[in-house]
Amino acid sequence: MAKEEEQFNKMINTPVKKLILTLGLPTTISMLVTAIYNIADTYYVSNYDTNASAAVGVIFPLMAIIQAFGFMLGMGAGNMISSLLGMKKNNDAQYYGSSSFYCGIFIGILFMIFGLIFIKPLVMFLGAIDESIELGIEYGTYILIGAPLMIGSFIMNNILRSEGKARFSMIGIATGGILNIFLDPLFIYTFSLGVKGAAIATLISQGVSFIIMLFMFIIKKAIITLNPKYIVFKLNTYLEIIKLGFPSLCRQGLASIATILLNNQAGPLGGNAAISAMSITSKIFMVMFSCCLGIGQGYQPVCGYNYFAKRYDRVKEAMLFTFTAGLIFMSILSIILYIFSFEAVSFFTKDQNVIDICIRAVKYQCYFQPLICINVICNMSFQSMRKKGRATLLSCCKQGIFFIPLVFILPKYFGLTGVEITQAAADILTSLFSIPFLISLVKHLNKLKNNELNNY
C-alpha cells in the first residue's frame, strides 16, 4: 500500500508543469519511436521499389485498425484505472487492467485467424492495384500474425501510462522500435527478402516490446498485476472499457478508413505513384501528430487522477499548459517541415513524380496542423473525465465527420489536387468545430472549483 500511496501523492501534489513534462516526455518518445519504426518500413521499402512502397502503404490502414483495438481497450481501461486510483479504489482498478489485457489478446487472435483466411480480398479492398497486390499479401501476412502482440503491447503501454509509469512503457516501446530500424535493412537487403523482410522485422520488434512490457508487470513495477484471477466475466465491465475507449477506436479506426478511401481516390488519378506519395505524406504527419498525442497522453493521467480527487484547479492548469505547449511545439515543427519539405520527402523516395505530389500535400497540411491541438486537448480531457459522448464526437471529426465527405467531393472537382488538400481541409474544419468545446471545458472547471470553495 505504501507504493500506491506514494504514487497517489505524486500525482496530486507534484507541480503540474513538472508532472506533465515528466510523464509527457517518455510518452512522446514512445509515440515517436512507434511512428519512426512504422516509417522505417516505408523508408527502406520506398528505396527498394515504388510498387513495394505502395503495398506497404495499403497495409498501413490494416495495422492502424489492429492498433485501434489496442488503443480502445488500453485507453478505456487506462482512464478507468487512473480515475479509480485517484479515488483510491486500487482493487477495482486491478479488474479493469487484467480484463482489458486478456480480452485484447483474444481479439488479436481473431484478427490473425480471419485476416489470414481472407488475406487476398482484404488487400484488394485496402486499395492495392496491379503488382502491389501480391506484395501486399506478403507484407500483410506477417502483420496479421503479430496482431495479438500488437494489441497486447498497446494495452500494457496505456495501463503503465495511466498509473503515471510512462517511463517503463517507454523502455519497451523504444527498444522494439530501435530494433526494428536495425532489422529492416538486414532482412530487406542482406537477406534479400524485400517486403517480406520488412514485415518479419516488424513482427520480431513487436514481440520484443511485448515481452519487455510484460516483464515490467511480472516483476511488479506496476500497481496493476495482470493476474488472470482478476479477469471479470461481466458484460458491464467490458462495456465500460469500450465506452471510455471508443473515442480512441474512432480516432484510429477512422484514420484507417480515411487512408483506404484516400488510396482508392489516389490510385485512379495518379496510379501507384500517387498511392505511394499519400502514404509517405501520412507517415510524415504521423510523426508530427505523435508529438502532439504524446504530450496529450502525458496529460491524461494527470487529468484523471486530479479530476476524481477533486483537484479541479490542477486539472485546469494542466489542460491550459498542455494545450499551450502543444500549440507552440506543433507550430515550430510545421514551419520546419514546410521549409524543408523537399528534404523530408526525398528522404523516402527518389521517384520525382512521387516527390512532386508529396511536397504539395505536405505544404497544404503544414498550414493548419498546429490547430489540431485544440481537438486533441478537448478529446483527451473528456475521455479522462469519463464524458464519453463528447469525447467520441470530437474523435470522429478529423478523419470521419469532415474527412470522409471531403475525400469524395474535393477529388471530383479538383482531381489529384483534391486528394492532396483533403486532409488539410479536414484539419481546419475540425479545429474550428472544437473551439466551443475548449471554452466549455474551461467554464466547467471554473464552476466546479467555485462550488468546492463555496462548500468549503
Protein backbone atom coordinates (compact mmCIF):
# COMPACT_ATOMS: atom_id res chain seq x y z
CA MET A 1 0.00 0.00 0.00
CA ALA A 2 2.96 2.33 0.62
CA LYS A 3 3.84 2.24 -3.08
CA GLU A 4 0.25 3.07 -4.09
CA GLU A 5 0.03 5.94 -1.58
CA GLU A 6 3.36 7.36 -2.75
CA GLN A 7 2.16 7.31 -6.36
CA PHE A 8 -1.14 8.97 -5.40
CA ASN A 9 0.65 11.78 -3.58
CA LYS A 10 2.96 12.26 -6.55
CA MET A 11 0.04 12.61 -8.97
CA ILE A 12 -1.97 15.13 -6.93
CA ASN A 13 0.81 17.16 -5.26
CA THR A 14 3.72 17.41 -7.71
CA PRO A 15 3.73 20.79 -9.52
CA VAL A 16 1.56 20.35 -12.61
CA LYS A 17 4.04 21.54 -15.23
CA LYS A 18 6.81 19.35 -13.86
CA LEU A 19 4.47 16.35 -13.64
CA ILE A 20 3.19 16.69 -17.22
CA LEU A 21 6.72 17.10 -18.57
CA THR A 22 7.89 14.11 -16.53
CA LEU A 23 5.07 11.93 -17.89
CA GLY A 24 4.81 13.55 -21.31
CA LEU A 25 8.46 13.20 -22.31
CA PRO A 26 8.64 9.38 -22.12
CA THR A 27 5.16 9.13 -23.64
CA THR A 28 6.16 11.38 -26.53
CA ILE A 29 9.33 9.34 -27.04
CA SER A 30 7.24 6.16 -27.07
CA MET A 31 4.84 7.63 -29.63
CA LEU A 32 7.69 8.95 -31.76
CA VAL A 33 9.54 5.65 -31.74
CA THR A 34 6.33 3.83 -32.70
CA ALA A 35 5.86 6.27 -35.58
CA ILE A 36 9.51 6.03 -36.60
CA TYR A 37 9.58 2.26 -36.75
CA ASN A 38 6.41 2.38 -38.86
CA ILE A 39 8.24 4.88 -41.06
CA ALA A 40 11.35 2.68 -41.19
CA ASP A 41 9.41 0.15 -43.29
CA THR A 42 8.27 2.93 -45.64
CA TYR A 43 11.78 4.37 -45.92
CA TYR A 44 13.60 1.14 -46.73
CA VAL A 45 10.84 -0.28 -48.91
CA SER A 46 10.40 3.00 -50.83
CA ASN A 47 14.06 2.89 -51.76
CA TYR A 48 13.62 -0.74 -52.73
CA ASP A 49 10.70 -0.32 -55.17
CA THR A 50 7.74 2.05 -55.79
CA ASN A 51 5.28 -0.88 -56.07
CA ALA A 52 6.59 -2.24 -52.77
CA SER A 53 6.11 1.20 -51.20
CA ALA A 54 2.51 1.24 -52.43
CA ALA A 55 1.98 -2.25 -50.94
CA VAL A 56 3.22 -1.10 -47.51
CA GLY A 57 1.01 1.98 -47.86
CA VAL A 58 -2.16 -0.04 -48.43
CA ILE A 59 -1.39 -2.37 -45.49
CA PHE A 60 -0.84 0.56 -43.14
CA PRO A 61 -4.61 1.02 -42.55
CA LEU A 62 -4.81 -2.65 -41.51
CA MET A 63 -2.08 -2.05 -38.92
CA ALA A 64 -3.92 1.06 -37.77
CA ILE A 65 -7.18 -0.87 -37.33
CA ILE A 66 -5.42 -3.52 -35.24
CA GLN A 67 -3.75 -0.76 -33.20
CA ALA A 68 -7.15 0.94 -32.84
CA PHE A 69 -8.49 -2.02 -30.85
CA GLY A 70 -5.37 -1.91 -28.66
CA PHE A 71 -5.90 1.81 -28.13
CA MET A 72 -9.61 1.33 -27.40
CA LEU A 73 -9.09 -1.33 -24.73
CA GLY A 74 -5.92 0.30 -23.39
CA MET A 75 -7.29 3.84 -23.21
CA GLY A 76 -10.65 2.64 -21.89
CA ALA A 77 -9.05 0.60 -19.12
CA GLY A 78 -6.38 3.26 -18.57
CA ASN A 79 -8.90 6.04 -17.99
CA MET A 80 -10.82 3.82 -15.57
CA ILE A 81 -7.59 2.90 -13.78
CA SER A 82 -6.35 6.50 -13.37
CA SER A 83 -9.75 7.66 -12.07
CA LEU A 84 -10.08 4.68 -9.69
CA LEU A 85 -6.55 5.21 -8.38
CA GLY A 86 -7.45 8.89 -7.93
CA MET A 87 -10.39 7.72 -5.77
CA LYS A 88 -8.07 5.20 -4.01
CA LYS A 89 -10.07 2.22 -5.31
CA ASN A 90 -6.95 0.25 -6.20
CA ASN A 91 -8.52 -3.21 -6.09
CA ASP A 92 -11.24 -2.20 -8.56
CA ALA A 93 -8.52 -0.92 -10.89
CA GLN A 94 -7.00 -4.44 -10.99
CA TYR A 95 -10.14 -5.87 -12.58
CA TYR A 96 -10.11 -3.36 -15.43
CA GLY A 97 -6.41 -3.91 -16.13
CA SER A 98 -6.49 -7.70 -16.34
CA SER A 99 -9.82 -7.90 -18.16
CA SER A 100 -8.74 -5.48 -20.89
CA PHE A 101 -5.38 -7.21 -21.42
CA TYR A 102 -6.69 -10.75 -21.88
CA CYS A 103 -9.65 -9.52 -23.92
CA GLY A 104 -7.18 -7.75 -26.22
CA ILE A 105 -5.10 -10.91 -26.72
CA PHE A 106 -8.26 -12.81 -27.68
CA ILE A 107 -9.31 -10.12 -30.19
CA GLY A 108 -5.79 -10.15 -31.66
CA ILE A 109 -6.04 -13.92 -32.24
CA LEU A 110 -9.36 -13.41 -34.03
CA PHE A 111 -7.76 -10.74 -36.26
CA MET A 112 -4.95 -13.14 -37.10
CA ILE A 113 -7.18 -16.11 -37.96
CA PHE A 114 -9.82 -14.35 -40.06
CA GLY A 115 -7.31 -11.97 -41.65
CA LEU A 116 -5.13 -14.82 -42.90
CA ILE A 117 -8.15 -16.69 -44.26
CA PHE A 118 -9.32 -13.68 -46.30
CA ILE A 119 -5.93 -12.07 -46.97
CA LYS A 120 -6.24 -11.54 -50.76
CA PRO A 121 -9.69 -9.87 -50.87
CA LEU A 122 -8.65 -7.87 -47.80
CA VAL A 123 -5.54 -6.49 -49.54
CA MET A 124 -7.57 -5.58 -52.64
CA PHE A 125 -10.21 -3.88 -50.50
CA LEU A 126 -7.46 -1.80 -48.87
CA GLY A 127 -6.64 -0.30 -52.25
CA ALA A 128 -3.86 -2.47 -53.73
CA ILE A 129 -3.69 -2.49 -57.54
CA ASP A 130 -1.64 -4.41 -60.12
CA GLU A 131 1.80 -5.52 -58.86
CA SER A 132 1.20 -4.28 -55.33
CA ILE A 133 -1.46 -6.95 -54.62
CA GLU A 134 0.96 -9.89 -54.17
CA LEU A 135 3.44 -7.67 -52.33
CA GLY A 136 0.63 -6.52 -50.06
CA ILE A 137 -0.24 -10.15 -49.26
CA GLU A 138 3.41 -10.85 -48.36
CA TYR A 139 3.59 -7.87 -46.01
CA GLY A 140 0.09 -8.25 -44.57
CA THR A 141 0.55 -11.92 -43.62
CA TYR A 142 3.21 -11.17 -41.01
CA ILE A 143 1.39 -8.08 -39.75
CA LEU A 144 -1.67 -10.27 -39.04
CA ILE A 145 0.46 -12.90 -37.28
CA GLY A 146 1.66 -10.16 -34.93
CA ALA A 147 -1.85 -8.83 -34.18
CA PRO A 148 -2.11 -10.33 -30.64
CA LEU A 149 1.32 -8.92 -29.72
CA MET A 150 0.47 -5.51 -31.16
CA ILE A 151 -2.83 -5.18 -29.29
CA GLY A 152 -1.36 -6.54 -26.05
CA SER A 153 1.54 -4.07 -26.21
CA PHE A 154 -0.76 -1.09 -26.71
CA ILE A 155 -2.89 -2.14 -23.73
CA MET A 156 0.11 -2.60 -21.42
CA ASN A 157 1.53 0.72 -22.61
CA ASN A 158 -1.68 2.54 -21.70
CA ILE A 159 -2.02 0.80 -18.33
CA LEU A 160 1.52 1.78 -17.32
CA ARG A 161 0.92 5.32 -18.52
CA SER A 162 -2.40 5.59 -16.65
CA GLU A 163 -0.58 4.80 -13.40
CA GLY A 164 1.97 7.51 -14.08
CA LYS A 165 4.64 4.93 -15.02
CA ALA A 166 5.22 6.16 -18.57
CA ARG A 167 8.98 5.60 -18.23
CA PHE A 168 8.53 1.82 -18.06
CA SER A 169 6.32 1.69 -21.13
CA MET A 170 8.85 3.85 -22.98
CA ILE A 171 11.57 1.26 -22.35
CA GLY A 172 9.51 -1.49 -24.00
CA ILE A 173 8.27 0.58 -26.94
CA ALA A 174 11.62 2.26 -27.64
CA THR A 175 13.61 -0.97 -27.50
CA GLY A 176 11.34 -2.65 -30.04
CA GLY A 177 11.31 0.43 -32.28
CA ILE A 178 15.08 0.83 -32.35
CA LEU A 179 15.47 -2.89 -33.01
CA ASN A 180 13.10 -2.62 -35.99
CA ILE A 181 15.15 0.20 -37.51
CA PHE A 182 18.25 -2.04 -37.49
CA LEU A 183 16.47 -5.23 -38.56
CA ASP A 184 14.76 -3.67 -41.59
CA PRO A 185 17.87 -3.27 -43.80
CA LEU A 186 19.18 -6.64 -42.61
CA PHE A 187 16.08 -8.56 -43.71
CA ILE A 188 15.21 -6.43 -46.75
CA TYR A 189 18.66 -6.15 -48.34
CA THR A 190 21.15 -8.51 -46.67
CA PHE A 191 18.76 -11.48 -46.65
CA SER A 192 17.13 -10.29 -49.92
CA LEU A 193 13.60 -10.74 -48.52
CA GLY A 194 12.24 -7.39 -49.76
CA VAL A 195 8.76 -6.53 -48.48
CA LYS A 196 8.52 -9.81 -46.57
CA GLY A 197 11.74 -8.89 -44.73
CA ALA A 198 10.26 -5.57 -43.59
CA ALA A 199 7.21 -7.38 -42.19
CA ILE A 200 9.34 -10.01 -40.40
CA ALA A 201 11.47 -7.26 -38.84
CA THR A 202 8.30 -5.53 -37.59
CA LEU A 203 6.96 -8.80 -36.15
CA ILE A 204 10.19 -9.53 -34.24
CA SER A 205 10.31 -5.96 -32.90
CA GLN A 206 6.72 -6.13 -31.68
CA GLY A 207 7.48 -9.40 -29.93
CA VAL A 208 10.43 -7.85 -28.10
CA SER A 209 8.34 -4.82 -26.99
CA PHE A 210 5.57 -7.13 -25.76
CA ILE A 211 7.98 -9.26 -23.69
CA ILE A 212 9.74 -6.27 -22.11
CA MET A 213 6.48 -4.60 -21.05
CA LEU A 214 5.02 -7.87 -19.76
CA PHE A 215 8.19 -8.32 -17.70
CA MET A 216 7.51 -4.95 -16.01
CA PHE A 217 4.22 -6.35 -14.74
CA ILE A 218 5.75 -9.70 -13.73
CA ILE A 219 8.42 -8.04 -11.56
CA LYS A 220 5.72 -5.77 -10.06
CA LYS A 221 6.96 -2.42 -11.31
CA ALA A 222 3.28 -1.55 -11.83
CA ILE A 223 0.35 -1.29 -9.42
CA ILE A 224 -1.77 -3.36 -11.83
CA THR A 225 -0.65 -7.01 -11.89
CA LEU A 226 -2.44 -8.52 -14.97
CA ASN A 227 -3.16 -11.57 -12.81
CA PRO A 228 -5.73 -13.83 -14.58
CA LYS A 229 -7.63 -14.15 -11.28
CA TYR A 230 -8.81 -10.55 -11.82
CA ILE A 231 -10.47 -11.32 -15.15
CA VAL A 232 -14.12 -10.27 -14.98
CA PHE A 233 -16.86 -12.18 -16.82
CA LYS A 234 -19.47 -9.42 -16.54
CA LEU A 235 -20.55 -7.66 -19.72
CA ASN A 236 -20.89 -4.28 -17.96
CA THR A 237 -17.15 -4.17 -17.22
CA TYR A 238 -16.25 -4.56 -20.89
CA LEU A 239 -18.95 -2.11 -21.96
CA GLU A 240 -17.48 0.48 -19.59
CA ILE A 241 -13.99 -0.10 -21.04
CA ILE A 242 -15.33 0.10 -24.60
CA LYS A 243 -17.37 3.25 -23.92
CA LEU A 244 -14.35 5.07 -22.48
CA GLY A 245 -12.01 3.74 -25.14
CA PHE A 246 -14.42 4.19 -28.03
CA PRO A 247 -13.11 7.69 -28.88
CA SER A 248 -9.66 6.14 -29.41
CA LEU A 249 -11.16 3.41 -31.60
CA CYS A 250 -12.96 6.09 -33.62
CA ARG A 251 -9.81 8.18 -33.97
CA GLN A 252 -7.63 5.26 -35.09
CA GLY A 253 -10.32 3.33 -36.93
CA LEU A 254 -11.48 6.33 -38.91
CA ALA A 255 -7.85 7.13 -39.73
CA SER A 256 -7.65 3.67 -41.31
CA ILE A 257 -10.87 4.17 -43.24
CA ALA A 258 -9.63 7.59 -44.35
CA THR A 259 -6.40 6.08 -45.67
CA ILE A 260 -8.29 3.34 -47.53
CA LEU A 261 -10.56 5.94 -49.14
CA LEU A 262 -7.57 8.14 -49.94
CA ASN A 263 -5.79 5.21 -51.61
CA ASN A 264 -8.90 4.39 -53.62
CA GLN A 265 -9.21 8.04 -54.76
CA ALA A 266 -5.48 8.50 -55.43
CA GLY A 267 -4.97 5.28 -57.43
CA PRO A 268 -7.20 6.10 -60.44
CA LEU A 269 -5.89 9.70 -60.56
CA GLY A 270 -2.16 9.02 -60.22
CA GLY A 271 -1.52 5.26 -60.05
CA ASN A 272 0.93 3.68 -57.60
CA ALA A 273 2.97 6.91 -57.56
CA ALA A 274 0.00 8.79 -56.04
CA ILE A 275 -0.72 5.98 -53.54
CA SER A 276 2.96 5.94 -52.54
CA ALA A 277 3.03 9.76 -52.23
CA MET A 278 -0.03 9.91 -49.96
CA SER A 279 1.37 7.03 -47.89
CA ILE A 280 4.62 8.93 -47.36
CA THR A 281 2.71 12.13 -46.52
CA SER A 282 0.63 10.24 -43.95
CA LYS A 283 3.76 8.79 -42.34
CA ILE A 284 5.45 12.21 -42.10
CA PHE A 285 2.45 13.74 -40.36
CA MET A 286 2.05 10.65 -38.20
CA VAL A 287 5.41 11.59 -36.65
CA MET A 288 4.24 15.16 -36.04
CA PHE A 289 0.86 14.07 -34.68
CA SER A 290 2.65 11.57 -32.41
CA CYS A 291 4.38 14.51 -30.71
CA CYS A 292 1.03 16.19 -30.08
CA LEU A 293 -0.56 12.93 -28.97
CA GLY A 294 2.41 12.07 -26.74
CA ILE A 295 2.16 15.37 -24.86
CA GLY A 296 -1.60 14.83 -24.56
CA GLN A 297 -1.21 11.30 -23.25
CA GLY A 298 1.23 12.56 -20.64
CA TYR A 299 -1.54 14.95 -19.58
CA GLN A 300 -4.32 12.33 -19.38
CA PRO A 301 -3.33 10.52 -16.16
CA VAL A 302 -2.76 13.91 -14.50
CA CYS A 303 -6.26 14.94 -15.57
CA GLY A 304 -7.85 11.63 -14.50
CA TYR A 305 -6.16 11.42 -11.09
CA ASN A 306 -6.83 15.06 -10.16
CA TYR A 307 -10.34 15.36 -11.58
CA PHE A 308 -11.60 12.45 -9.50
CA ALA A 309 -9.55 13.60 -6.50
CA LYS A 310 -11.50 16.90 -6.91
CA ARG A 311 -8.36 18.97 -7.55
CA TYR A 312 -10.04 20.99 -10.30
CA ASP A 313 -7.53 23.85 -10.08
CA ARG A 314 -4.76 21.40 -11.06
CA VAL A 315 -6.85 19.97 -13.92
CA LYS A 316 -7.40 23.44 -15.40
CA GLU A 317 -3.72 24.35 -15.03
CA ALA A 318 -2.69 21.05 -16.62
CA MET A 319 -5.09 21.47 -19.53
CA LEU A 320 -4.03 25.02 -20.39
CA PHE A 321 -0.32 24.22 -20.05
CA THR A 322 -0.61 21.12 -22.25
CA PHE A 323 -2.59 23.00 -24.90
CA THR A 324 -0.14 25.92 -24.99
CA ALA A 325 2.93 23.66 -25.08
CA GLY A 326 1.41 21.52 -27.83
CA LEU A 327 0.42 24.53 -29.95
CA ILE A 328 3.90 26.09 -29.76
CA PHE A 329 5.68 22.80 -30.40
CA MET A 330 3.48 21.86 -33.37
CA SER A 331 3.85 25.35 -34.88
CA ILE A 332 7.64 25.07 -34.76
CA LEU A 333 7.57 21.60 -36.35
CA SER A 334 5.17 22.77 -39.09
CA ILE A 335 7.38 25.71 -40.02
CA ILE A 336 10.47 23.49 -40.16
CA LEU A 337 8.68 20.87 -42.25
CA TYR A 338 7.32 23.49 -44.67
CA ILE A 339 10.79 24.94 -45.26
CA PHE A 340 12.46 21.55 -45.62
CA SER A 341 9.61 19.69 -47.32
CA PHE A 342 11.77 18.58 -50.26
CA GLU A 343 14.44 17.16 -47.97
CA ALA A 344 11.83 15.37 -45.85
CA VAL A 345 10.08 13.79 -48.85
CA SER A 346 13.21 12.89 -50.81
CA PHE A 347 14.44 11.03 -47.72
CA PHE A 348 11.80 8.40 -48.52
CA THR A 349 11.91 8.21 -52.31
CA LYS A 350 13.87 9.30 -55.38
CA ASP A 351 10.89 8.97 -57.73
CA GLN A 352 10.33 12.55 -58.95
CA ASN A 353 6.63 12.03 -59.65
CA VAL A 354 6.09 10.80 -56.10
CA ILE A 355 8.16 13.68 -54.70
CA ASP A 356 6.15 16.34 -56.56
CA ILE A 357 2.79 15.00 -55.34
CA CYS A 358 4.08 14.55 -51.80
CA ILE A 359 5.57 18.05 -51.43
CA ARG A 360 2.31 19.71 -52.42
CA ALA A 361 0.30 17.60 -49.95
CA VAL A 362 2.82 18.23 -47.15
CA LYS A 363 2.77 22.01 -47.61
CA TYR A 364 -1.03 22.15 -47.60
CA GLN A 365 -1.16 20.29 -44.28
CA CYS A 366 1.56 22.39 -42.65
CA TYR A 367 -0.73 25.45 -42.76
CA PHE A 368 -3.28 24.02 -40.32
CA GLN A 369 -1.55 21.16 -38.45
CA PRO A 370 -0.82 23.16 -35.24
CA LEU A 371 -4.53 23.96 -34.75
CA ILE A 372 -5.35 20.27 -34.33
CA CYS A 373 -4.07 20.65 -30.73
CA ILE A 374 -7.48 22.18 -29.89
CA ASN A 375 -9.22 18.94 -30.81
CA VAL A 376 -6.64 16.73 -29.07
CA ILE A 377 -6.77 18.51 -25.69
CA CYS A 378 -10.59 18.57 -25.66
CA ASN A 379 -10.85 14.92 -26.69
CA MET A 380 -8.38 13.70 -24.08
CA SER A 381 -9.88 15.83 -21.32
CA PHE A 382 -13.37 14.46 -21.93
CA GLN A 383 -12.02 10.88 -22.03
CA SER A 384 -10.19 11.33 -18.72
CA MET A 385 -13.31 12.88 -17.15
CA ARG A 386 -15.46 9.99 -18.47
CA LYS A 387 -17.51 12.31 -20.71
CA LYS A 388 -17.89 9.58 -23.31
CA GLY A 389 -20.30 11.21 -25.77
CA ARG A 390 -18.37 14.43 -26.28
CA ALA A 391 -15.04 12.56 -26.44
CA THR A 392 -16.40 10.25 -29.14
CA LEU A 393 -17.87 13.11 -31.18
CA LEU A 394 -14.57 15.01 -31.18
CA SER A 395 -12.51 11.93 -32.03
CA CYS A 396 -14.69 11.35 -35.11
CA CYS A 397 -14.10 14.80 -36.61
CA LYS A 398 -10.59 14.78 -38.09
CA GLN A 399 -10.77 11.53 -40.08
CA GLY A 400 -14.51 10.94 -40.12
CA ILE A 401 -17.16 13.64 -39.98
CA PHE A 402 -15.14 16.07 -42.11
CA PHE A 403 -12.59 13.92 -43.94
CA ILE A 404 -14.89 11.26 -45.45
CA PRO A 405 -17.23 13.66 -47.31
CA LEU A 406 -14.26 15.80 -48.42
CA VAL A 407 -12.31 12.85 -49.84
CA PHE A 408 -15.20 12.22 -52.25
CA ILE A 409 -16.07 15.86 -53.00
CA LEU A 410 -12.66 17.51 -53.49
CA PRO A 411 -11.10 14.99 -55.95
CA LYS A 412 -14.28 15.13 -58.01
CA TYR A 413 -13.84 18.85 -58.63
CA PHE A 414 -10.06 19.32 -58.32
CA GLY A 415 -8.64 15.95 -59.43
CA LEU A 416 -5.33 14.93 -57.84
CA THR A 417 -5.07 18.35 -56.15
CA GLY A 418 -8.31 17.48 -54.36
CA VAL A 419 -6.64 14.37 -52.95
CA GLU A 420 -3.65 16.46 -51.81
CA ILE A 421 -5.74 19.07 -49.95
CA THR A 422 -8.33 16.77 -48.34
CA GLN A 423 -6.52 16.28 -45.01
CA ALA A 424 -5.68 19.98 -44.67
CA ALA A 425 -9.32 20.93 -45.26
CA ALA A 426 -10.48 18.36 -42.69
CA ASP A 427 -7.95 19.68 -40.14
CA ILE A 428 -9.14 23.29 -40.33
CA LEU A 429 -12.82 22.31 -40.04
CA THR A 430 -12.03 20.01 -37.08
CA SER A 431 -10.16 22.79 -35.29
CA LEU A 432 -12.97 25.32 -35.77
CA PHE A 433 -15.54 22.78 -34.57
CA SER A 434 -13.50 22.07 -31.39
CA ILE A 435 -13.14 25.69 -30.19
CA PRO A 436 -16.55 25.88 -28.40
CA PHE A 437 -15.71 22.64 -26.58
CA LEU A 438 -12.44 24.10 -25.29
CA ILE A 439 -14.29 27.17 -23.99
CA SER A 440 -16.94 24.98 -22.29
CA LEU A 441 -14.23 22.87 -20.63
CA VAL A 442 -12.64 25.93 -19.01
CA LYS A 443 -16.06 27.15 -17.80
CA HIS A 444 -16.89 23.66 -16.45
CA LEU A 445 -13.69 23.51 -14.40
CA ASN A 446 -14.18 27.06 -13.10
CA LYS A 447 -17.69 26.16 -11.95
CA LEU A 448 -16.54 23.00 -10.17
CA LYS A 449 -13.70 24.87 -8.49
CA ASN A 450 -16.07 27.61 -7.27
CA ASN A 451 -18.53 25.01 -5.95
CA GLU A 452 -15.73 23.35 -3.97
CA LEU A 453 -14.70 26.68 -2.49
CA ASN A 454 -18.30 27.52 -1.53
CA ASN A 455 -18.80 24.11 0.10
CA TYR A 456 -15.59 24.57 1.98
